Structure formats: structure tokens, C-alpha cells
C-alpha atoms as a PDB file:
ATOM      1  CA  GLU A   1     160.639  41.796  53.115  1.00  0.00           C
ATOM      2  CA  LEU A   2     158.663  38.709  54.148  1.00  0.00           C
ATOM      3  CA  ALA A   3     158.490  37.461  50.573  1.00  0.00           C
ATOM      4  CA  GLU A   4     161.990  36.000  50.846  1.00  0.00           C
ATOM      5  CA  PHE A   5     160.768  33.634  53.608  1.00  0.00           C
ATOM      6  CA  LEU A   6     157.700  32.380  51.756  1.00  0.00           C
ATOM      7  CA  TYR A   7     157.884  29.023  50.013  1.00  0.00           C
ATOM      8  CA  THR A   8     157.657  29.352  46.261  1.00  0.00           C
ATOM      9  CA  PRO A   9     158.224  26.050  44.440  1.00  0.00           C
ATOM     10  CA  ASP A  10     158.903  27.657  41.072  1.00  0.00           C
ATOM     11  CA  LEU A  11     161.931  29.610  42.297  1.00  0.00           C
ATOM     12  CA  ASN A  12     165.443  28.342  42.819  1.00  0.00           C
ATOM     13  CA  HIS A  13     166.680  28.986  46.328  1.00  0.00           C
ATOM     14  CA  PHE A  14     170.326  29.679  46.992  1.00  0.00           C
ATOM     15  CA  VAL A  15     172.397  30.040  50.108  1.00  0.00           C
ATOM     16  CA  GLY A  16     175.451  31.821  48.844  1.00  0.00           C
ATOM     17  CA  ASP A  17     176.406  29.912  45.686  1.00  0.00           C
ATOM     18  CA  VAL A  18     174.766  26.642  46.802  1.00  0.00           C
ATOM     19  CA  ARG A  19     171.396  25.784  45.275  1.00  0.00           C
ATOM     20  CA  ILE A  20     168.875  24.392  47.758  1.00  0.00           C
ATOM     21  CA  SER A  21     166.768  21.819  45.960  1.00  0.00           C
ATOM     22  CA  ASP A  22     163.061  21.389  46.554  1.00  0.00           C
ATOM     23  CA  ILE A  23     162.180  18.398  48.735  1.00  0.00           C
ATOM     24  CA  THR A  24     159.911  17.041  46.008  1.00  0.00           C
ATOM     25  CA  GLU A  25     162.950  16.762  43.734  1.00  0.00           C
ATOM     26  CA  GLU A  26     164.780  14.577  46.249  1.00  0.00           C
ATOM     27  CA  TYR A  27     161.882  12.288  47.179  1.00  0.00           C
ATOM     28  CA  ASP A  28     161.914   8.990  45.309  1.00  0.00           C
ATOM     29  CA  PRO A  29     158.533   7.203  45.540  1.00  0.00           C
ATOM     30  CA  ASP A  30     160.137   3.934  44.376  1.00  0.00           C
ATOM     31  CA  LYS A  31     162.751   3.932  47.118  1.00  0.00           C
ATOM     32  CA  GLU A  32     161.972   1.984  50.282  1.00  0.00           C
ATOM     33  CA  TYR A  33     162.575   4.223  53.275  1.00  0.00           C
ATOM     34  CA  PRO A  34     163.141   2.846  56.799  1.00  0.00           C
ATOM     35  CA  SER A  35     160.114   2.711  59.082  1.00  0.00           C
ATOM     36  CA  VAL A  36     159.741   4.979  62.092  1.00  0.00           C
ATOM     37  CA  VAL A  37     160.677   2.034  64.311  1.00  0.00           C
ATOM     38  CA  ASP A  38     163.822   1.360  62.268  1.00  0.00           C
ATOM     39  CA  ARG A  39     164.835   5.018  62.352  1.00  0.00           C
ATOM     40  CA  PHE A  40     164.235   5.872  65.996  1.00  0.00           C
ATOM     41  CA  PHE A  41     164.213   2.676  68.067  1.00  0.00           C
ATOM     42  CA  THR A  42     166.592  -0.161  68.858  1.00  0.00           C
ATOM     43  CA  ARG A  43     165.035  -3.612  69.132  1.00  0.00           C
ATOM     44  CA  TYR A  44     165.760  -5.730  72.174  1.00  0.00           C
ATOM     45  CA  TYR A  45     164.211  -9.065  73.070  1.00  0.00           C
ATOM     46  CA  ASN A  46     163.330 -10.696  76.372  1.00  0.00           C
ATOM     47  CA  VAL A  47     163.549 -14.480  76.132  1.00  0.00           C
ATOM     48  CA  ARG A  48     162.621 -16.468  79.222  1.00  0.00           C
ATOM     49  CA  ASP A  49     163.735 -20.084  79.519  1.00  0.00           C
ATOM     50  CA  ASP A  50     160.662 -20.982  81.581  1.00  0.00           C
ATOM     51  CA  LYS A  51     158.231 -19.577  78.994  1.00  0.00           C
ATOM     52  CA  LYS A  52     158.987 -21.133  75.612  1.00  0.00           C
ATOM     53  CA  ASP A  53     157.622 -19.172  72.625  1.00  0.00           C
ATOM     54  CA  GLU A  54     156.545 -16.257  74.839  1.00  0.00           C
ATOM     55  CA  ASP A  55     159.240 -13.786  73.804  1.00  0.00           C
ATOM     56  CA  HIS A  56     158.730 -10.061  74.330  1.00  0.00           C
ATOM     57  CA  LEU A  57     159.945  -7.116  72.277  1.00  0.00           C
ATOM     58  CA  VAL A  58     161.389  -3.972  73.870  1.00  0.00           C
ATOM     59  CA  LEU A  59     161.748  -1.007  71.513  1.00  0.00           C
ATOM     60  CA  MET A  60     164.174   1.419  73.152  1.00  0.00           C
ATOM     61  CA  HIS A  61     164.328   5.024  71.957  1.00  0.00           C
ATOM     62  CA  SER A  62     167.516   7.055  72.345  1.00  0.00           C
ATOM     63  CA  ASN A  63     165.719   9.114  75.018  1.00  0.00           C
ATOM     64  CA  ARG A  64     165.337   5.810  77.007  1.00  0.00           C
ATOM     65  CA  ILE A  65     161.572   5.528  76.552  1.00  0.00           C
ATOM     66  CA  CYS A  66     160.713   1.851  75.971  1.00  0.00           C
ATOM     67  CA  LEU A  67     157.745   0.381  74.141  1.00  0.00           C
ATOM     68  CA  ILE A  68     156.908  -3.097  75.413  1.00  0.00           C
ATOM     69  CA  GLY A  69     155.174  -5.583  73.130  1.00  0.00           C
ATOM     70  CA  LEU A  70     155.171  -9.153  71.935  1.00  0.00           C
ATOM     71  CA  ALA A  71     157.996 -10.445  69.748  1.00  0.00           C
ATOM     72  CA  PRO A  72     156.923 -11.578  66.263  1.00  0.00           C
ATOM     73  CA  GLY A  73     157.466 -15.236  67.188  1.00  0.00           C
ATOM     74  CA  HIS A  74     155.192 -15.152  70.242  1.00  0.00           C
ATOM     75  CA  ALA A  75     152.820 -18.130  70.419  1.00  0.00           C
ATOM     76  CA  ALA A  76     149.758 -15.855  70.732  1.00  0.00           C
ATOM     77  CA  PHE A  77     150.101 -14.709  67.121  1.00  0.00           C
ATOM     78  CA  GLY A  78     149.773 -18.262  65.829  1.00  0.00           C
ATOM     79  CA  LYS A  79     146.650 -18.918  67.898  1.00  0.00           C
ATOM     80  CA  GLY A  80     144.842 -15.710  66.986  1.00  0.00           C
ATOM     81  CA  ILE A  81     144.311 -12.931  69.503  1.00  0.00           C
ATOM     82  CA  ALA A  82     140.742 -12.538  70.720  1.00  0.00           C
ATOM     83  CA  LEU A  83     141.052 -10.101  73.614  1.00  0.00           C
ATOM     84  CA  ILE A  84     143.577  -7.934  75.448  1.00  0.00           C
ATOM     85  CA  THR A  85     142.928  -6.622  78.932  1.00  0.00           C
ATOM     86  CA  TYR A  86     144.892  -4.474  81.363  1.00  0.00           C
ATOM     87  CA  ASP A  87     142.810  -5.651  84.312  1.00  0.00           C
ATOM     88  CA  ILE A  88     145.289  -7.838  86.180  1.00  0.00           C
ATOM     89  CA  GLY A  89     143.679  -9.198  89.318  1.00  0.00           C
ATOM     90  CA  ASN A  90     143.658  -6.417  91.873  1.00  0.00           C
ATOM     91  CA  TYR A  91     144.827  -3.539  89.665  1.00  0.00           C
ATOM     92  CA  ASP A  92     143.777  -2.264  86.247  1.00  0.00           C
ATOM     93  CA  ARG A  93     146.926  -0.983  84.515  1.00  0.00           C
ATOM     94  CA  SER A  94     144.837   1.317  82.308  1.00  0.00           C
ATOM     95  CA  LYS A  95     143.969   3.362  85.418  1.00  0.00           C
ATOM     96  CA  ASN A  96     147.652   4.283  85.871  1.00  0.00           C
ATOM     97  CA  LYS A  97     148.063   8.087  85.916  1.00  0.00           C
ATOM     98  CA  VAL A  98     151.347   9.956  85.685  1.00  0.00           C
ATOM     99  CA  SER A  99     152.111  13.658  85.889  1.00  0.00           C
ATOM    100  CA  GLY A 100     154.999  16.001  85.355  1.00  0.00           C
ATOM    101  CA  LYS A 101     158.345  15.713  83.670  1.00  0.00           C
ATOM    102  CA  ALA A 102     159.504  12.962  86.045  1.00  0.00           C
ATOM    103  CA  LYS A 103     156.284  10.976  85.397  1.00  0.00           C
ATOM    104  CA  ARG A 104     155.326  10.914  89.067  1.00  0.00           C
ATOM    105  CA  GLY A 105     152.568   8.551  90.053  1.00  0.00           C
ATOM    106  CA  GLY A 106     153.472   5.893  87.524  1.00  0.00           C
ATOM    107  CA  MET A 107     153.501   2.354  88.811  1.00  0.00           C
ATOM    108  CA  GLN A 108     156.982   1.002  89.564  1.00  0.00           C
ATOM    109  CA  LEU A 109     157.626  -2.097  87.468  1.00  0.00           C
ATOM    110  CA  GLN A 110     159.972  -5.041  87.826  1.00  0.00           C
ATOM    111  CA  PRO A 111     160.906  -7.290  84.875  1.00  0.00           C
ATOM    112  CA  CYS A 112     158.239  -9.887  85.770  1.00  0.00           C
ATOM    113  CA  THR A 113     155.429  -7.401  86.520  1.00  0.00           C
ATOM    114  CA  ALA A 114     152.356  -8.280  84.448  1.00  0.00           C
ATOM    115  CA  LEU A 115     151.128  -5.425  82.252  1.00  0.00           C
ATOM    116  CA  ALA A 116     148.324  -7.096  80.338  1.00  0.00           C
ATOM    117  CA  VAL A 117     146.711 -10.414  79.567  1.00  0.00           C
ATOM    118  CA  VAL A 118     146.327 -11.595  75.981  1.00  0.00           C
ATOM    119  CA  LYS A 119     143.518 -14.094  75.459  1.00  0.00           C
ATOM    120  CA  CYS A 120     143.659 -16.230  72.327  1.00  0.00           C
ATOM    121  CA  GLN A 121     140.918 -17.705  70.145  1.00  0.00           C
ATOM    122  CA  ASP A 122     141.510 -21.166  71.665  1.00  0.00           C
ATOM    123  CA  GLY A 123     141.151 -19.854  75.243  1.00  0.00           C
ATOM    124  CA  THR A 124     144.870 -19.768  76.038  1.00  0.00           C
ATOM    125  CA  GLU A 125     146.010 -16.763  78.072  1.00  0.00           C
ATOM    126  CA  TYR A 126     149.430 -15.131  78.047  1.00  0.00           C
ATOM    127  CA  LYS A 127     150.708 -12.462  80.401  1.00  0.00           C
ATOM    128  CA  VAL A 128     152.596  -9.575  78.861  1.00  0.00           C
ATOM    129  CA  VAL A 129     155.325  -8.658  81.338  1.00  0.00           C
ATOM    130  CA  SER A 130     157.339  -5.475  81.708  1.00  0.00           C
ATOM    131  CA  CYS A 131     160.701  -7.149  80.881  1.00  0.00           C
ATOM    132  CA  ILE A 132     162.521  -4.191  82.462  1.00  0.00           C
ATOM    133  CA  THR A 133     162.660  -2.195  85.670  1.00  0.00           C
ATOM    134  CA  GLY A 134     161.071   1.211  85.291  1.00  0.00           C
ATOM    135  CA  ARG A 135     158.009   3.378  85.666  1.00  0.00           C
ATOM    136  CA  LEU A 136     154.781   2.712  83.768  1.00  0.00           C
ATOM    137  CA  VAL A 137     154.064   5.853  81.746  1.00  0.00           C
ATOM    138  CA  GLU A 138     151.009   4.685  79.821  1.00  0.00           C
ATOM    139  CA  VAL A 139     149.280   1.723  78.276  1.00  0.00           C
ATOM    140  CA  ASN A 140     147.927   1.503  74.741  1.00  0.00           C
ATOM    141  CA  PRO A 141     144.104   1.645  74.877  1.00  0.00           C
ATOM    142  CA  ARG A 142     143.843   1.119  71.100  1.00  0.00           C
ATOM    143  CA  ILE A 143     144.869  -2.539  71.339  1.00  0.00           C
ATOM    144  CA  VAL A 144     141.971  -3.194  73.727  1.00  0.00           C
ATOM    145  CA  GLU A 145     139.523  -1.870  71.119  1.00  0.00           C
ATOM    146  CA  ASN A 146     141.363  -3.515  68.214  1.00  0.00           C
ATOM    147  CA  PRO A 147     143.398  -6.545  69.444  1.00  0.00           C
ATOM    148  CA  SER A 148     144.791  -7.297  65.974  1.00  0.00           C
ATOM    149  CA  MET A 149     146.741  -4.027  66.204  1.00  0.00           C
ATOM    150  CA  ILE A 150     149.193  -5.753  68.575  1.00  0.00           C
ATOM    151  CA  THR A 151     150.763  -7.387  65.502  1.00  0.00           C
ATOM    152  CA  SER A 152     151.827  -3.961  64.201  1.00  0.00           C
ATOM    153  CA  GLU A 153     155.345  -3.169  65.366  1.00  0.00           C
ATOM    154  CA  GLY A 154     155.427   0.278  66.944  1.00  0.00           C
ATOM    155  CA  GLU A 155     151.694   1.002  66.976  1.00  0.00           C
ATOM    156  CA  GLY A 156     150.919  -2.336  68.612  1.00  0.00           C
ATOM    157  CA  TYR A 157     152.841  -1.664  71.805  1.00  0.00           C
ATOM    158  CA  VAL A 158     151.299  -2.806  75.086  1.00  0.00           C
ATOM    159  CA  ALA A 159     152.875  -0.204  77.363  1.00  0.00           C
ATOM    160  CA  ILE A 160     155.362   2.643  77.533  1.00  0.00           C
ATOM    161  CA  VAL A 161     157.909   2.217  80.309  1.00  0.00           C
ATOM    162  CA  LEU A 162     160.507   4.751  81.431  1.00  0.00           C
ATOM    163  CA  PRO A 163     163.577   3.130  83.010  1.00  0.00           C
ATOM    164  CA  ARG A 164     165.794   5.045  85.397  1.00  0.00           C
ATOM    165  CA  ILE A 165     168.696   6.650  83.583  1.00  0.00           C
ATOM    166  CA  ASP A 166     171.278   4.874  85.750  1.00  0.00           C
ATOM    167  CA  LYS A 167     169.724   1.475  84.924  1.00  0.00           C
ATOM    168  CA  VAL A 168     169.621   1.746  81.119  1.00  0.00           C
ATOM    169  CA  GLU A 169     172.946   0.023  80.429  1.00  0.00           C
ATOM    170  CA  ALA A 170     172.115  -2.838  82.819  1.00  0.00           C
ATOM    171  CA  ILE A 171     168.726  -3.223  81.123  1.00  0.00           C
ATOM    172  CA  LYS A 172     170.342  -3.390  77.678  1.00  0.00           C
ATOM    173  CA  ALA A 173     172.765  -6.033  78.965  1.00  0.00           C
ATOM    174  CA  SER A 174     169.888  -8.140  80.340  1.00  0.00           C
ATOM    175  CA  LEU A 175     168.108  -8.265  76.964  1.00  0.00           C
ATOM    176  CA  LEU A 176     169.100  -9.783  73.636  1.00  0.00           C
ATOM    177  CA  THR A 177     169.973  -7.600  70.669  1.00  0.00           C
ATOM    178  CA  GLU A 178     168.268  -8.263  67.361  1.00  0.00           C
ATOM    179  CA  GLU A 179     171.338 -10.134  66.076  1.00  0.00           C
ATOM    180  CA  GLN A 180     171.513 -12.329  69.191  1.00  0.00           C
ATOM    181  CA  TYR A 181     167.789 -13.052  68.972  1.00  0.00           C
ATOM    182  CA  LYS A 182     168.018 -14.081  65.312  1.00  0.00           C
ATOM    183  CA  LYS A 183     170.821 -16.524  66.173  1.00  0.00           C
ATOM    184  CA  ILE A 184     168.643 -18.158  68.836  1.00  0.00           C
ATOM    185  CA  ASP A 185     165.618 -18.235  66.542  1.00  0.00           C
ATOM    186  CA  ASN A 186     167.581 -19.671  63.594  1.00  0.00           C
ATOM    187  CA  PRO A 187     170.651 -21.529  64.936  1.00  0.00           C
ATOM    188  CA  GLN A 188     173.186 -22.355  62.241  1.00  0.00           C
END
């Protein structure tokens, strides 16, 4: 009885008269598939007039979880990143602890709340800010150990922030979409 549920690659599987093909038949190794970021997140950008070339990237998932990072054109990438720290003056963001479904205990963030400091090879320092109002869920400890990881979109996030559900549309409106950001970056 259980044999019908076991995977056997040499057999043709049918549901009624429809043949169910094996996944290995459909996979094309030459085809370029979208990345995880492209499939599951929408890119938004925070551009501040007072901080030229210090743009931030907000990757927003459909479940409203946001990954905060540096936009590809951020000045820190051109100078080489030497160190990333979550120790901002009187509070170390890496000590933030949340619990439960509602993520209680997470630090409340405003758009200008500093999350981390990026120190460059030439000694320049840049603050990574929240960009949005929400609750700090976690920070990415891997970028402290390996600062070059911050250049990797998705894996190189600085923090995960959970905005309130009633604020999501206002947050989207306050940020630039990818198309709007490209127009600013390359005016025609």
C-alpha cells in the first residue's frame, strides 16, 4: 500500500490521465533562475538629501518582514569596508532579544535610528539607519565576523525589522521603488 507513495524515478506517475513529469526533466541547468531576493522580496530605497551617496536598501517580504542594508551605490563600498559594529554609544544592538509571535522585547525603531556603524579602510565611518518605523527583530552577526558579506544582497543584511501592519503602506510610500531609484541614479 505504501509503495504508491514512494518516489521511484524510473516510473511514470499519472493523476488520472495526466502524466506528472519528474522534476529533473523540467530543470534546465542553462536557464538563469531568479534569486531568492528577486522571488520573495521587493526592493525599496531610502535616499536622504542630507547624506549624499549613503543610500540604504530595504528588502520587504510579502509578510512585511524587512531586511535593512546598504544600497549598491553606497559610498562605503567604494572605500572598502574594514569593520562593522552594532555597538552604538550606549546600546549594543546585537544584545537585542525578542520573544514570542509578536516579537516582544525588540527595540522600537524610528527611520533615523542607528543600527550599526560601518568603518571603512580609510577611516571613514557611516551609520546604517533603520529607514523605517518598526521593531528590531535581529541583527546579522555574520557581517561582524565577515564584513565583506555586506555586499551580498540578501545575506548581507544589517538588521531584520518588523513594521506594524497598519504602517506598511505609509512606509512603502516614504521609500523609493527600484524604478524610481534607477531614475535618480541615472537621470535621462
